[in-house]
Amino acid sequence: MKEGKYAVLDLGTNTFNLLITEIKQSKYHILEHLRASVKIGAGGIQNNIITEDACGRAIQTLIDFKKVIDSHRIDENNVTAIATSAFRNAKNGEKLATAIYETSGIKVQIIQGEKEAELIFYGVKAALNIGFEPSLLMDIGGGSVEFIICNNDKIFWKQSFEIGAQRLFDKYQTTDPILQSSIVEMQQYLSLALKPLKEAIEIYHPKVLIGSSGSFDTLCEIFIADHQLEIDLYHGTEYDLPLHYFGEIFYKIITKNVDQRRSIKGMSPMRVDMIVVACVMMDYIIQTFFMQRLRVSFYSLKEGVMYLMAHDKIDELKL
C-alpha cells in the first residue's frame, strides 16, 4: 500500500465510525477518529428493515463525514466504507448503500459476518499481543456479535452471530431496570444460539476473553472513574479489566434504570441503553466458559482494515 492519507468508515448498526490515518513506512498513524450514534437498527431491525428515519440519519452522517474526509484531501480511491449486520440483513440495505453513494460519493461495501470477524481479529492483533495460547475474542455490535478463537499468529475458529445488542435490547429489555426473569430468558436464548461457540471452546479451551471496543471500552472508563485513577485510557491500545470488578459493575448496571445508569461516572451516553444486554452477554460468556482474564482491545474492525492496508494485505480479504 502506497504511503499517504486514508479514510476507513465502519458503518455499524448503532454507531458509525470514521478513522483518518496516514500510512508511512508500513505503519499507520491515526490523525482523527469520529463516531456518531446513528442507530440504523432502531425500529426496524427485527423486521430486517432500515426505517426511513434511520436512512435519513445514515445519509446525513455520511455527508458530514465526507466533509471531514475532504478537509484532509484524501483521494476517493483511499476511502474504504464497510457496512455490517444491519445493512447485510435489511431488505433495503443495498438501496441505502446506493443512496449514500449518490448523496455523498462514498461507496459502501456490505460485508458478510465471516469477513467482519476476520477484520476484527486484525484490529485486535494491531492493538495487543494476543499470545501463543488460544484466546477468545468477542465483539458486541448492535446487529451481530463476532467470536474468534485465535492466538497472535492465526485464527483457529470464527463465527458471526446475529444476536447483537439492538436485537437483544428489543427482545429482552422490555422494562427498565431489566427484570431478572428477562435475564434468565436471555441466558437460555444464548445457550441455544451459541452452541457452535460452545463446541469450539471445548476443542481449543481459551481461558482469556478479549473484548473488542464498544461496551468493553465503556466498562474500562467506568473502572477508571470509579477508582479515581489518573490514566488516559486511549493513550494506549489495550487495558486489563479485573474480572472481580466486572462482577461488581455488572450488578450495578443491571439493577439501575436509564437515568441512574447515566449518572454512573465514566458511562458513555452512546452506550447507556444497550450496555445492559451487552453486560448480560459478557457475564454469560465469562461464567459459562470459566474465563480467567478479561482484556480489552480499543481497536476493532476499522483498525483491522488499516492494519491490512499498512501491511499491503488488504487484497487478501477480497472485500
C-alpha atoms as a PDB file:
ATOM      1  CA  MET A   1       0.000   0.000   0.000  1.00  0.00           C
ATOM      2  CA  LYS A   2       1.470   3.341  -1.021  1.00  0.00           C
ATOM      3  CA  GLU A   3       2.128   5.980   1.592  1.00  0.00           C
ATOM      4  CA  GLY A   4      -0.469   8.686   2.092  1.00  0.00           C
ATOM      5  CA  LYS A   5      -3.708   9.524   3.874  1.00  0.00           C
ATOM      6  CA  TYR A   6      -6.557   7.040   4.109  1.00  0.00           C
ATOM      7  CA  ALA A   7     -10.097   7.017   5.481  1.00  0.00           C
ATOM      8  CA  VAL A   8     -11.892   3.958   6.839  1.00  0.00           C
ATOM      9  CA  LEU A   9     -15.564   4.067   7.728  1.00  0.00           C
ATOM     10  CA  ASP A  10     -17.192   1.385   9.884  1.00  0.00           C
ATOM     11  CA  LEU A  11     -20.957   1.617   9.429  1.00  0.00           C
ATOM     12  CA  GLY A  12     -22.336  -0.372  12.333  1.00  0.00           C
ATOM     13  CA  THR A  13     -25.889  -0.967  13.457  1.00  0.00           C
ATOM     14  CA  ASN A  14     -25.694   1.628  16.247  1.00  0.00           C
ATOM     15  CA  THR A  15     -22.534   3.613  15.609  1.00  0.00           C
ATOM     16  CA  PHE A  16     -20.814   4.967  12.508  1.00  0.00           C
ATOM     17  CA  ASN A  17     -17.048   5.446  12.861  1.00  0.00           C
ATOM     18  CA  LEU A  18     -14.646   7.447  10.707  1.00  0.00           C
ATOM     19  CA  LEU A  19     -10.925   6.802  11.058  1.00  0.00           C
ATOM     20  CA  ILE A  20      -8.488   9.107   9.257  1.00  0.00           C
ATOM     21  CA  THR A  21      -4.922   7.815   9.119  1.00  0.00           C
ATOM     22  CA  GLU A  22      -1.623   8.344   7.375  1.00  0.00           C
ATOM     23  CA  ILE A  23       0.462   5.382   6.265  1.00  0.00           C
ATOM     24  CA  LYS A  24       4.233   5.777   6.411  1.00  0.00           C
ATOM     25  CA  GLN A  25       6.838   3.019   6.248  1.00  0.00           C
ATOM     26  CA  SER A  26       4.270   0.224   6.657  1.00  0.00           C
ATOM     27  CA  LYS A  27       2.810   1.854   9.776  1.00  0.00           C
ATOM     28  CA  TYR A  28      -0.338   3.882  10.155  1.00  0.00           C
ATOM     29  CA  HIS A  29      -0.758   6.926  12.336  1.00  0.00           C
ATOM     30  CA  ILE A  30      -4.239   7.970  13.461  1.00  0.00           C
ATOM     31  CA  LEU A  31      -4.953  11.587  12.562  1.00  0.00           C
ATOM     32  CA  GLU A  32      -8.627  11.770  13.509  1.00  0.00           C
ATOM     33  CA  HIS A  33     -11.350   9.478  14.821  1.00  0.00           C
ATOM     34  CA  LEU A  34     -15.011  10.481  14.760  1.00  0.00           C
ATOM     35  CA  ARG A  35     -18.016   8.481  15.858  1.00  0.00           C
ATOM     36  CA  ALA A  36     -21.730   9.164  15.512  1.00  0.00           C
ATOM     37  CA  SER A  37     -24.658   7.436  17.196  1.00  0.00           C
ATOM     38  CA  VAL A  38     -26.814   6.746  14.127  1.00  0.00           C
ATOM     39  CA  LYS A  39     -28.799   3.721  15.379  1.00  0.00           C
ATOM     40  CA  ILE A  40     -29.912   2.489  11.964  1.00  0.00           C
ATOM     41  CA  GLY A  41     -31.237  -0.673  13.615  1.00  0.00           C
ATOM     42  CA  ALA A  42     -33.737   1.203  15.787  1.00  0.00           C
ATOM     43  CA  GLY A  43     -37.357   0.491  14.969  1.00  0.00           C
ATOM     44  CA  GLY A  44     -36.755  -1.975  12.165  1.00  0.00           C
ATOM     45  CA  ILE A  45     -34.021  -4.484  12.894  1.00  0.00           C
ATOM     46  CA  GLN A  46     -36.437  -7.230  13.983  1.00  0.00           C
ATOM     47  CA  ASN A  47     -38.200  -6.936  10.628  1.00  0.00           C
ATOM     48  CA  ASN A  48     -34.985  -6.736   8.602  1.00  0.00           C
ATOM     49  CA  ILE A  49     -35.639  -3.178   7.505  1.00  0.00           C
ATOM     50  CA  ILE A  50     -33.854   0.133   7.963  1.00  0.00           C
ATOM     51  CA  THR A  51     -36.576   2.684   8.644  1.00  0.00           C
ATOM     52  CA  GLU A  52     -36.949   5.865   6.638  1.00  0.00           C
ATOM     53  CA  ASP A  53     -35.812   7.980   9.596  1.00  0.00           C
ATOM     54  CA  ALA A  54     -32.764   5.758  10.106  1.00  0.00           C
ATOM     55  CA  CYS A  55     -31.885   6.010   6.416  1.00  0.00           C
ATOM     56  CA  GLY A  56     -32.039   9.792   6.732  1.00  0.00           C
ATOM     57  CA  ARG A  57     -29.687   9.747   9.731  1.00  0.00           C
ATOM     58  CA  ALA A  58     -27.274   7.464   7.892  1.00  0.00           C
ATOM     59  CA  ILE A  59     -27.163   9.613   4.759  1.00  0.00           C
ATOM     60  CA  GLN A  60     -26.687  12.864   6.688  1.00  0.00           C
ATOM     61  CA  THR A  61     -23.895  11.335   8.787  1.00  0.00           C
ATOM     62  CA  LEU A  62     -22.042  10.185   5.665  1.00  0.00           C
ATOM     63  CA  ILE A  63     -22.430  13.637   4.101  1.00  0.00           C
ATOM     64  CA  ASP A  64     -20.897  15.115   7.273  1.00  0.00           C
ATOM     65  CA  PHE A  65     -18.106  12.516   7.300  1.00  0.00           C
ATOM     66  CA  LYS A  66     -17.335  13.259   3.649  1.00  0.00           C
ATOM     67  CA  LYS A  67     -16.702  16.907   4.538  1.00  0.00           C
ATOM     68  CA  VAL A  68     -14.122  15.760   7.088  1.00  0.00           C
ATOM     69  CA  ILE A  69     -12.526  13.403   4.562  1.00  0.00           C
ATOM     70  CA  ASP A  70     -12.326  16.210   2.011  1.00  0.00           C
ATOM     71  CA  SER A  71     -10.762  18.531   4.579  1.00  0.00           C
ATOM     72  CA  HIS A  72      -7.868  16.059   4.778  1.00  0.00           C
ATOM     73  CA  ARG A  73      -7.644  15.995   0.958  1.00  0.00           C
ATOM     74  CA  ILE A  74      -7.974  12.230   0.772  1.00  0.00           C
ATOM     75  CA  ASP A  75      -8.310  10.704  -2.683  1.00  0.00           C
ATOM     76  CA  GLU A  76     -11.587   8.834  -3.214  1.00  0.00           C
ATOM     77  CA  ASN A  77      -9.592   5.679  -4.018  1.00  0.00           C
ATOM     78  CA  ASN A  78      -8.202   5.835  -0.474  1.00  0.00           C
ATOM     79  CA  VAL A  79     -11.646   5.786   1.156  1.00  0.00           C
ATOM     80  CA  THR A  80     -12.988   2.422   2.386  1.00  0.00           C
ATOM     81  CA  ALA A  81     -16.508   2.248   3.833  1.00  0.00           C
ATOM     82  CA  ILE A  82     -17.613  -1.059   5.322  1.00  0.00           C
ATOM     83  CA  ALA A  83     -21.177  -1.852   6.371  1.00  0.00           C
ATOM     84  CA  THR A  84     -22.058  -4.778   8.595  1.00  0.00           C
ATOM     85  CA  SER A  85     -25.058  -6.539  10.149  1.00  0.00           C
ATOM     86  CA  ALA A  86     -27.885  -4.015   9.734  1.00  0.00           C
ATOM     87  CA  PHE A  87     -27.022  -3.424   6.082  1.00  0.00           C
ATOM     88  CA  ARG A  88     -26.499  -7.069   5.155  1.00  0.00           C
ATOM     89  CA  ASN A  89     -29.747  -8.257   6.746  1.00  0.00           C
ATOM     90  CA  ALA A  90     -32.030  -5.382   5.775  1.00  0.00           C
ATOM     91  CA  LYS A  91     -34.221  -5.751   2.705  1.00  0.00           C
ATOM     92  CA  ASN A  92     -33.291  -2.179   1.791  1.00  0.00           C
ATOM     93  CA  GLY A  93     -29.613  -2.369   2.800  1.00  0.00           C
ATOM     94  CA  GLU A  94     -28.334  -2.242  -0.791  1.00  0.00           C
ATOM     95  CA  LYS A  95     -30.768   0.571  -1.579  1.00  0.00           C
ATOM     96  CA  LEU A  96     -29.411   2.633   1.320  1.00  0.00           C
ATOM     97  CA  ALA A  97     -25.828   1.963   0.205  1.00  0.00           C
ATOM     98  CA  THR A  98     -26.747   3.292  -3.247  1.00  0.00           C
ATOM     99  CA  ALA A  99     -28.402   6.384  -1.750  1.00  0.00           C
ATOM    100  CA  ILE A 100     -25.272   7.068   0.314  1.00  0.00           C
ATOM    101  CA  TYR A 101     -23.108   6.915  -2.805  1.00  0.00           C
ATOM    102  CA  GLU A 102     -25.441   9.195  -4.735  1.00  0.00           C
ATOM    103  CA  THR A 103     -25.524  11.840  -1.998  1.00  0.00           C
ATOM    104  CA  SER A 104     -22.012  11.694  -0.536  1.00  0.00           C
ATOM    105  CA  GLY A 105     -19.882   9.977  -3.150  1.00  0.00           C
ATOM    106  CA  ILE A 106     -18.848   7.325  -0.626  1.00  0.00           C
ATOM    107  CA  LYS A 107     -19.020   3.766  -1.965  1.00  0.00           C
ATOM    108  CA  VAL A 108     -20.248   1.370   0.707  1.00  0.00           C
ATOM    109  CA  GLN A 109     -19.143  -2.273   0.788  1.00  0.00           C
ATOM    110  CA  ILE A 110     -21.531  -4.587   2.631  1.00  0.00           C
ATOM    111  CA  ILE A 111     -19.544  -7.487   4.082  1.00  0.00           C
ATOM    112  CA  GLN A 112     -20.554 -10.857   5.458  1.00  0.00           C
ATOM    113  CA  GLY A 113     -20.065 -11.894   9.070  1.00  0.00           C
ATOM    114  CA  GLU A 114     -17.038 -14.104   8.392  1.00  0.00           C
ATOM    115  CA  LYS A 115     -15.162 -11.165   6.846  1.00  0.00           C
ATOM    116  CA  GLU A 116     -16.232  -8.957   9.737  1.00  0.00           C
ATOM    117  CA  ALA A 117     -14.789 -11.435  12.246  1.00  0.00           C
ATOM    118  CA  GLU A 118     -11.512 -11.606  10.324  1.00  0.00           C
ATOM    119  CA  LEU A 119     -11.146  -7.822  10.254  1.00  0.00           C
ATOM    120  CA  ILE A 120     -11.817  -7.667  13.995  1.00  0.00           C
ATOM    121  CA  PHE A 121      -9.006 -10.194  14.542  1.00  0.00           C
ATOM    122  CA  TYR A 122      -6.543  -7.989  12.669  1.00  0.00           C
ATOM    123  CA  GLY A 123      -7.725  -4.931  14.608  1.00  0.00           C
ATOM    124  CA  VAL A 124      -7.132  -6.680  17.934  1.00  0.00           C
ATOM    125  CA  LYS A 125      -3.794  -8.020  16.665  1.00  0.00           C
ATOM    126  CA  ALA A 126      -2.785  -4.403  15.954  1.00  0.00           C
ATOM    127  CA  ALA A 127      -3.750  -3.382  19.485  1.00  0.00           C
ATOM    128  CA  LEU A 128      -2.118  -6.063  21.588  1.00  0.00           C
ATOM    129  CA  ASN A 129      -0.064  -9.234  21.699  1.00  0.00           C
ATOM    130  CA  ILE A 130      -2.674 -11.986  21.877  1.00  0.00           C
ATOM    131  CA  GLY A 131      -0.006 -14.511  22.859  1.00  0.00           C
ATOM    132  CA  PHE A 132       0.698 -18.120  21.946  1.00  0.00           C
ATOM    133  CA  GLU A 133      -2.217 -19.753  23.782  1.00  0.00           C
ATOM    134  CA  PRO A 134      -5.708 -19.507  22.242  1.00  0.00           C
ATOM    135  CA  SER A 135      -7.822 -16.567  23.381  1.00  0.00           C
ATOM    136  CA  LEU A 136     -11.481 -15.816  22.732  1.00  0.00           C
ATOM    137  CA  LEU A 137     -12.171 -12.501  21.010  1.00  0.00           C
ATOM    138  CA  MET A 138     -15.651 -11.017  21.401  1.00  0.00           C
ATOM    139  CA  ASP A 139     -17.004  -8.001  19.543  1.00  0.00           C
ATOM    140  CA  ILE A 140     -20.518  -6.898  20.504  1.00  0.00           C
ATOM    141  CA  GLY A 141     -22.175  -4.898  17.763  1.00  0.00           C
ATOM    142  CA  GLY A 142     -25.723  -3.663  17.534  1.00  0.00           C
ATOM    143  CA  GLY A 143     -26.728  -6.260  14.958  1.00  0.00           C
ATOM    144  CA  SER A 144     -24.237  -9.076  15.341  1.00  0.00           C
ATOM    145  CA  VAL A 145     -21.661 -10.459  17.736  1.00  0.00           C
ATOM    146  CA  GLU A 146     -18.406 -11.886  16.439  1.00  0.00           C
ATOM    147  CA  PHE A 147     -16.443 -14.575  18.255  1.00  0.00           C
ATOM    148  CA  ILE A 148     -12.938 -15.539  17.194  1.00  0.00           C
ATOM    149  CA  ILE A 149     -10.699 -18.140  18.804  1.00  0.00           C
ATOM    150  CA  CYS A 150      -7.110 -17.341  17.910  1.00  0.00           C
ATOM    151  CA  ASN A 151      -3.576 -16.740  19.037  1.00  0.00           C
ATOM    152  CA  ASN A 152      -1.324 -13.955  17.834  1.00  0.00           C
ATOM    153  CA  ASP A 153      -0.465 -15.813  14.624  1.00  0.00           C
ATOM    154  CA  LYS A 154      -3.652 -17.437  13.389  1.00  0.00           C
ATOM    155  CA  ILE A 155      -7.395 -17.822  13.626  1.00  0.00           C
ATOM    156  CA  PHE A 156      -8.470 -21.292  14.754  1.00  0.00           C
ATOM    157  CA  TRP A 157     -12.214 -20.654  14.542  1.00  0.00           C
ATOM    158  CA  LYS A 158     -14.524 -17.734  13.894  1.00  0.00           C
ATOM    159  CA  GLN A 159     -18.236 -17.092  13.571  1.00  0.00           C
ATOM    160  CA  SER A 160     -20.611 -14.166  13.428  1.00  0.00           C
ATOM    161  CA  PHE A 161     -23.948 -14.480  15.245  1.00  0.00           C
ATOM    162  CA  GLU A 162     -26.899 -12.192  14.507  1.00  0.00           C
ATOM    163  CA  ILE A 163     -27.573 -11.613  18.205  1.00  0.00           C
ATOM    164  CA  GLY A 164     -26.312  -8.050  18.599  1.00  0.00           C
ATOM    165  CA  ALA A 165     -27.207  -5.615  21.363  1.00  0.00           C
ATOM    166  CA  GLN A 166     -30.008  -3.865  19.452  1.00  0.00           C
ATOM    167  CA  ARG A 167     -31.682  -7.223  18.746  1.00  0.00           C
ATOM    168  CA  LEU A 168     -31.355  -8.378  22.369  1.00  0.00           C
ATOM    169  CA  PHE A 169     -32.444  -4.980  23.695  1.00  0.00           C
ATOM    170  CA  ASP A 170     -35.656  -5.065  21.641  1.00  0.00           C
ATOM    171  CA  LYS A 171     -36.389  -8.642  22.645  1.00  0.00           C
ATOM    172  CA  TYR A 172     -35.485  -8.774  26.334  1.00  0.00           C
ATOM    173  CA  GLN A 173     -35.207  -5.312  27.850  1.00  0.00           C
ATOM    174  CA  THR A 174     -38.934  -4.617  27.996  1.00  0.00           C
ATOM    175  CA  THR A 175     -38.618  -2.928  31.397  1.00  0.00           C
ATOM    176  CA  ASP A 176     -36.010  -0.627  32.896  1.00  0.00           C
ATOM    177  CA  PRO A 177     -34.353  -1.843  35.068  1.00  0.00           C
ATOM    178  CA  ILE A 178     -34.377  -5.177  33.275  1.00  0.00           C
ATOM    179  CA  LEU A 179     -36.298  -7.966  35.004  1.00  0.00           C
ATOM    180  CA  GLN A 180     -34.371 -10.905  36.450  1.00  0.00           C
ATOM    181  CA  SER A 181     -36.746 -13.197  34.547  1.00  0.00           C
ATOM    182  CA  SER A 182     -35.738 -11.443  31.306  1.00  0.00           C
ATOM    183  CA  ILE A 183     -32.072 -12.030  32.112  1.00  0.00           C
ATOM    184  CA  VAL A 184     -32.793 -15.736  32.618  1.00  0.00           C
ATOM    185  CA  GLU A 185     -34.701 -15.870  29.312  1.00  0.00           C
ATOM    186  CA  MET A 186     -31.818 -14.170  27.549  1.00  0.00           C
ATOM    187  CA  GLN A 187     -29.299 -16.595  29.061  1.00  0.00           C
ATOM    188  CA  GLN A 188     -31.418 -19.523  27.873  1.00  0.00           C
ATOM    189  CA  TYR A 189     -31.569 -17.992  24.402  1.00  0.00           C
ATOM    190  CA  LEU A 190     -27.787 -17.521  24.331  1.00  0.00           C
ATOM    191  CA  SER A 191     -27.291 -21.131  25.398  1.00  0.00           C
ATOM    192  CA  LEU A 192     -29.128 -22.275  22.270  1.00  0.00           C
ATOM    193  CA  ALA A 193     -27.812 -19.621  19.872  1.00  0.00           C
ATOM    194  CA  LEU A 194     -24.177 -20.097  20.859  1.00  0.00           C
ATOM    195  CA  LYS A 195     -23.959 -23.891  20.595  1.00  0.00           C
ATOM    196  CA  PRO A 196     -21.300 -23.635  17.836  1.00  0.00           C
ATOM    197  CA  LEU A 197     -19.203 -21.450  20.155  1.00  0.00           C
ATOM    198  CA  LYS A 198     -19.534 -23.988  22.985  1.00  0.00           C
ATOM    199  CA  GLU A 199     -18.318 -26.756  20.650  1.00  0.00           C
ATOM    200  CA  ALA A 200     -15.330 -24.672  19.526  1.00  0.00           C
ATOM    201  CA  ILE A 201     -14.373 -23.781  23.107  1.00  0.00           C
ATOM    202  CA  GLU A 202     -14.430 -27.480  24.032  1.00  0.00           C
ATOM    203  CA  ILE A 203     -11.828 -28.025  21.308  1.00  0.00           C
ATOM    204  CA  TYR A 204      -9.497 -25.048  21.853  1.00  0.00           C
ATOM    205  CA  HIS A 205     -10.013 -24.269  25.587  1.00  0.00           C
ATOM    206  CA  PRO A 206      -9.411 -20.491  25.616  1.00  0.00           C
ATOM    207  CA  LYS A 207      -9.164 -19.037  29.111  1.00  0.00           C
ATOM    208  CA  VAL A 208      -8.686 -15.364  28.225  1.00  0.00           C
ATOM    209  CA  LEU A 209     -11.557 -13.238  26.936  1.00  0.00           C
ATOM    210  CA  ILE A 210     -10.536 -10.252  24.813  1.00  0.00           C
ATOM    211  CA  GLY A 211     -13.333  -7.756  24.401  1.00  0.00           C
ATOM    212  CA  SER A 212     -13.143  -5.577  21.333  1.00  0.00           C
ATOM    213  CA  SER A 213     -14.100  -1.923  21.678  1.00  0.00           C
ATOM    214  CA  GLY A 214     -17.729  -0.771  22.207  1.00  0.00           C
ATOM    215  CA  SER A 215     -19.244  -1.623  25.577  1.00  0.00           C
ATOM    216  CA  PHE A 216     -15.936  -3.066  26.767  1.00  0.00           C
ATOM    217  CA  ASP A 217     -14.366   0.394  26.364  1.00  0.00           C
ATOM    218  CA  THR A 218     -17.138   1.880  28.479  1.00  0.00           C
ATOM    219  CA  LEU A 219     -16.557  -0.626  31.285  1.00  0.00           C
ATOM    220  CA  CYS A 220     -12.900   0.419  31.344  1.00  0.00           C
ATOM    221  CA  GLU A 221     -13.925   4.080  31.536  1.00  0.00           C
ATOM    222  CA  ILE A 222     -16.231   3.289  34.455  1.00  0.00           C
ATOM    223  CA  PHE A 223     -13.486   1.338  36.242  1.00  0.00           C
ATOM    224  CA  ILE A 224     -11.000   4.219  35.863  1.00  0.00           C
ATOM    225  CA  ALA A 225     -13.559   6.781  37.100  1.00  0.00           C
ATOM    226  CA  ASP A 226     -14.726   4.559  39.959  1.00  0.00           C
ATOM    227  CA  HIS A 227     -11.172   4.130  41.233  1.00  0.00           C
ATOM    228  CA  GLN A 228     -10.197   7.761  40.543  1.00  0.00           C
ATOM    229  CA  LEU A 229      -7.189   6.625  38.561  1.00  0.00           C
ATOM    230  CA  GLU A 230      -5.300   9.246  36.620  1.00  0.00           C
ATOM    231  CA  ILE A 231      -4.968   7.222  33.444  1.00  0.00           C
ATOM    232  CA  ASP A 232      -5.541   8.297  29.861  1.00  0.00           C
ATOM    233  CA  LEU A 233      -7.028   5.032  28.621  1.00  0.00           C
ATOM    234  CA  TYR A 234      -6.701   5.844  24.956  1.00  0.00           C
ATOM    235  CA  HIS A 235      -3.062   6.804  25.207  1.00  0.00           C
ATOM    236  CA  GLY A 236      -2.646   3.053  24.829  1.00  0.00           C
ATOM    237  CA  THR A 237      -4.472   0.417  22.825  1.00  0.00           C
ATOM    238  CA  GLU A 238      -5.462  -2.125  25.466  1.00  0.00           C
ATOM    239  CA  TYR A 239      -6.453  -2.487  29.097  1.00  0.00           C
ATOM    240  CA  ASP A 240      -6.758  -5.354  31.580  1.00  0.00           C
ATOM    241  CA  LEU A 241     -10.102  -5.144  33.347  1.00  0.00           C
ATOM    242  CA  PRO A 242     -10.123  -7.083  36.657  1.00  0.00           C
ATOM    243  CA  LEU A 243     -12.663  -9.887  36.483  1.00  0.00           C
ATOM    244  CA  HIS A 244     -13.827  -9.342  40.059  1.00  0.00           C
ATOM    245  CA  TYR A 245     -14.621  -5.737  39.179  1.00  0.00           C
ATOM    246  CA  PHE A 246     -16.671  -6.819  36.187  1.00  0.00           C
ATOM    247  CA  GLY A 247     -18.911  -8.693  38.626  1.00  0.00           C
ATOM    248  CA  GLU A 248     -19.395  -5.501  40.644  1.00  0.00           C
ATOM    249  CA  ILE A 249     -20.162  -3.231  37.699  1.00  0.00           C
ATOM    250  CA  PHE A 250     -22.398  -5.887  36.141  1.00  0.00           C
ATOM    251  CA  TYR A 251     -24.665  -5.874  39.205  1.00  0.00           C
ATOM    252  CA  LYS A 252     -24.628  -2.077  39.324  1.00  0.00           C
ATOM    253  CA  ILE A 253     -25.657  -1.754  35.683  1.00  0.00           C
ATOM    254  CA  ILE A 254     -28.440  -4.339  35.595  1.00  0.00           C
ATOM    255  CA  THR A 255     -30.142  -3.014  38.733  1.00  0.00           C
ATOM    256  CA  LYS A 256     -30.365   0.640  37.624  1.00  0.00           C
ATOM    257  CA  ASN A 257     -32.742   2.416  35.267  1.00  0.00           C
ATOM    258  CA  VAL A 258     -31.512   4.540  32.382  1.00  0.00           C
ATOM    259  CA  ASP A 259     -31.272   7.773  34.379  1.00  0.00           C
ATOM    260  CA  GLN A 260     -29.378   6.036  37.169  1.00  0.00           C
ATOM    261  CA  ARG A 261     -27.023   4.402  34.657  1.00  0.00           C
ATOM    262  CA  ARG A 262     -26.429   7.751  33.004  1.00  0.00           C
ATOM    263  CA  SER A 263     -25.206   9.118  36.348  1.00  0.00           C
ATOM    264  CA  ILE A 264     -22.512   6.426  36.662  1.00  0.00           C
ATOM    265  CA  LYS A 265     -19.145   8.126  36.278  1.00  0.00           C
ATOM    266  CA  GLY A 266     -17.475   7.071  33.045  1.00  0.00           C
ATOM    267  CA  MET A 267     -20.709   5.902  31.414  1.00  0.00           C
ATOM    268  CA  SER A 268     -20.836   6.679  27.691  1.00  0.00           C
ATOM    269  CA  PRO A 269     -24.112   8.356  26.643  1.00  0.00           C
ATOM    270  CA  MET A 270     -23.942   6.261  23.466  1.00  0.00           C
ATOM    271  CA  ARG A 271     -23.924   3.005  25.459  1.00  0.00           C
ATOM    272  CA  VAL A 272     -26.334   3.819  28.283  1.00  0.00           C
ATOM    273  CA  ASP A 273     -29.281   1.921  26.761  1.00  0.00           C
ATOM    274  CA  MET A 274     -27.737  -1.239  25.365  1.00  0.00           C
ATOM    275  CA  ILE A 275     -24.928  -1.733  27.865  1.00  0.00           C
ATOM    276  CA  VAL A 276     -27.366  -3.745  29.992  1.00  0.00           C
ATOM    277  CA  VAL A 277     -27.872  -6.560  27.480  1.00  0.00           C
ATOM    278  CA  ALA A 278     -24.206  -6.292  26.459  1.00  0.00           C
ATOM    279  CA  CYS A 279     -23.154  -6.924  30.067  1.00  0.00           C
ATOM    280  CA  VAL A 280     -25.580  -9.835  30.402  1.00  0.00           C
ATOM    281  CA  MET A 281     -23.931 -11.391  27.367  1.00  0.00           C
ATOM    282  CA  MET A 282     -20.417 -10.751  28.701  1.00  0.00           C
ATOM    283  CA  ASP A 283     -21.364 -12.281  32.044  1.00  0.00           C
ATOM    284  CA  TYR A 284     -22.828 -15.323  30.289  1.00  0.00           C
ATOM    285  CA  ILE A 285     -19.581 -15.918  28.396  1.00  0.00           C
ATOM    286  CA  ILE A 286     -17.357 -15.367  31.442  1.00  0.00           C
ATOM    287  CA  GLN A 287     -19.391 -17.620  33.738  1.00  0.00           C
ATOM    288  CA  THR A 288     -20.319 -20.359  31.262  1.00  0.00           C
ATOM    289  CA  PHE A 289     -16.840 -20.836  29.833  1.00  0.00           C
ATOM    290  CA  PHE A 290     -14.849 -20.117  33.028  1.00  0.00           C
ATOM    291  CA  MET A 291     -12.822 -17.226  31.640  1.00  0.00           C
ATOM    292  CA  GLN A 292      -9.846 -16.390  33.866  1.00  0.00           C
ATOM    293  CA  ARG A 293      -8.849 -12.998  32.475  1.00  0.00           C
ATOM    294  CA  LEU A 294     -10.565 -10.099  30.720  1.00  0.00           C
ATOM    295  CA  ARG A 295      -8.528  -7.968  28.337  1.00  0.00           C
ATOM    296  CA  VAL A 296      -9.954  -5.060  26.360  1.00  0.00           C
ATOM    297  CA  SER A 297      -8.749  -4.039  22.919  1.00  0.00           C
ATOM    298  CA  PHE A 298      -9.515  -0.451  21.935  1.00  0.00           C
ATOM    299  CA  TYR A 299      -9.057  -1.464  18.295  1.00  0.00           C
ATOM    300  CA  SER A 300     -11.607  -3.317  16.225  1.00  0.00           C
ATOM    301  CA  LEU A 301     -12.776  -3.639  12.620  1.00  0.00           C
ATOM    302  CA  LYS A 302     -11.701  -0.243  11.287  1.00  0.00           C
ATOM    303  CA  GLU A 303      -8.203  -0.600  12.718  1.00  0.00           C
ATOM    304  CA  GLY A 304      -8.090  -4.099  11.244  1.00  0.00           C
ATOM    305  CA  VAL A 305      -8.653  -2.596   7.798  1.00  0.00           C
ATOM    306  CA  MET A 306      -5.872  -0.071   8.373  1.00  0.00           C
ATOM    307  CA  TYR A 307      -3.529  -2.793   9.679  1.00  0.00           C
ATOM    308  CA  LEU A 308      -4.010  -4.803   6.491  1.00  0.00           C
ATOM    309  CA  MET A 309      -3.602  -1.721   4.333  1.00  0.00           C
ATOM    310  CA  ALA A 310      -0.361  -0.737   6.057  1.00  0.00           C
ATOM    311  CA  HIS A 311       0.989  -4.257   5.561  1.00  0.00           C
ATOM    312  CA  ASP A 312      -0.244  -4.340   1.954  1.00  0.00           C
ATOM    313  CA  LYS A 313      -2.506  -7.317   2.671  1.00  0.00           C
ATOM    314  CA  ILE A 314      -5.974  -5.838   2.215  1.00  0.00           C
ATOM    315  CA  ASP A 315      -6.409  -7.549  -1.170  1.00  0.00           C
ATOM    316  CA  GLU A 316      -6.138 -10.930   0.546  1.00  0.00           C
ATOM    317  CA  LEU A 317      -9.569 -10.407   2.114  1.00  0.00           C
ATOM    318  CA  LYS A 318     -11.221  -9.731  -1.250  1.00  0.00           C
ATOM    319  CA  LEU A 319     -13.596  -7.192   0.258  1.00  0.00           C
END
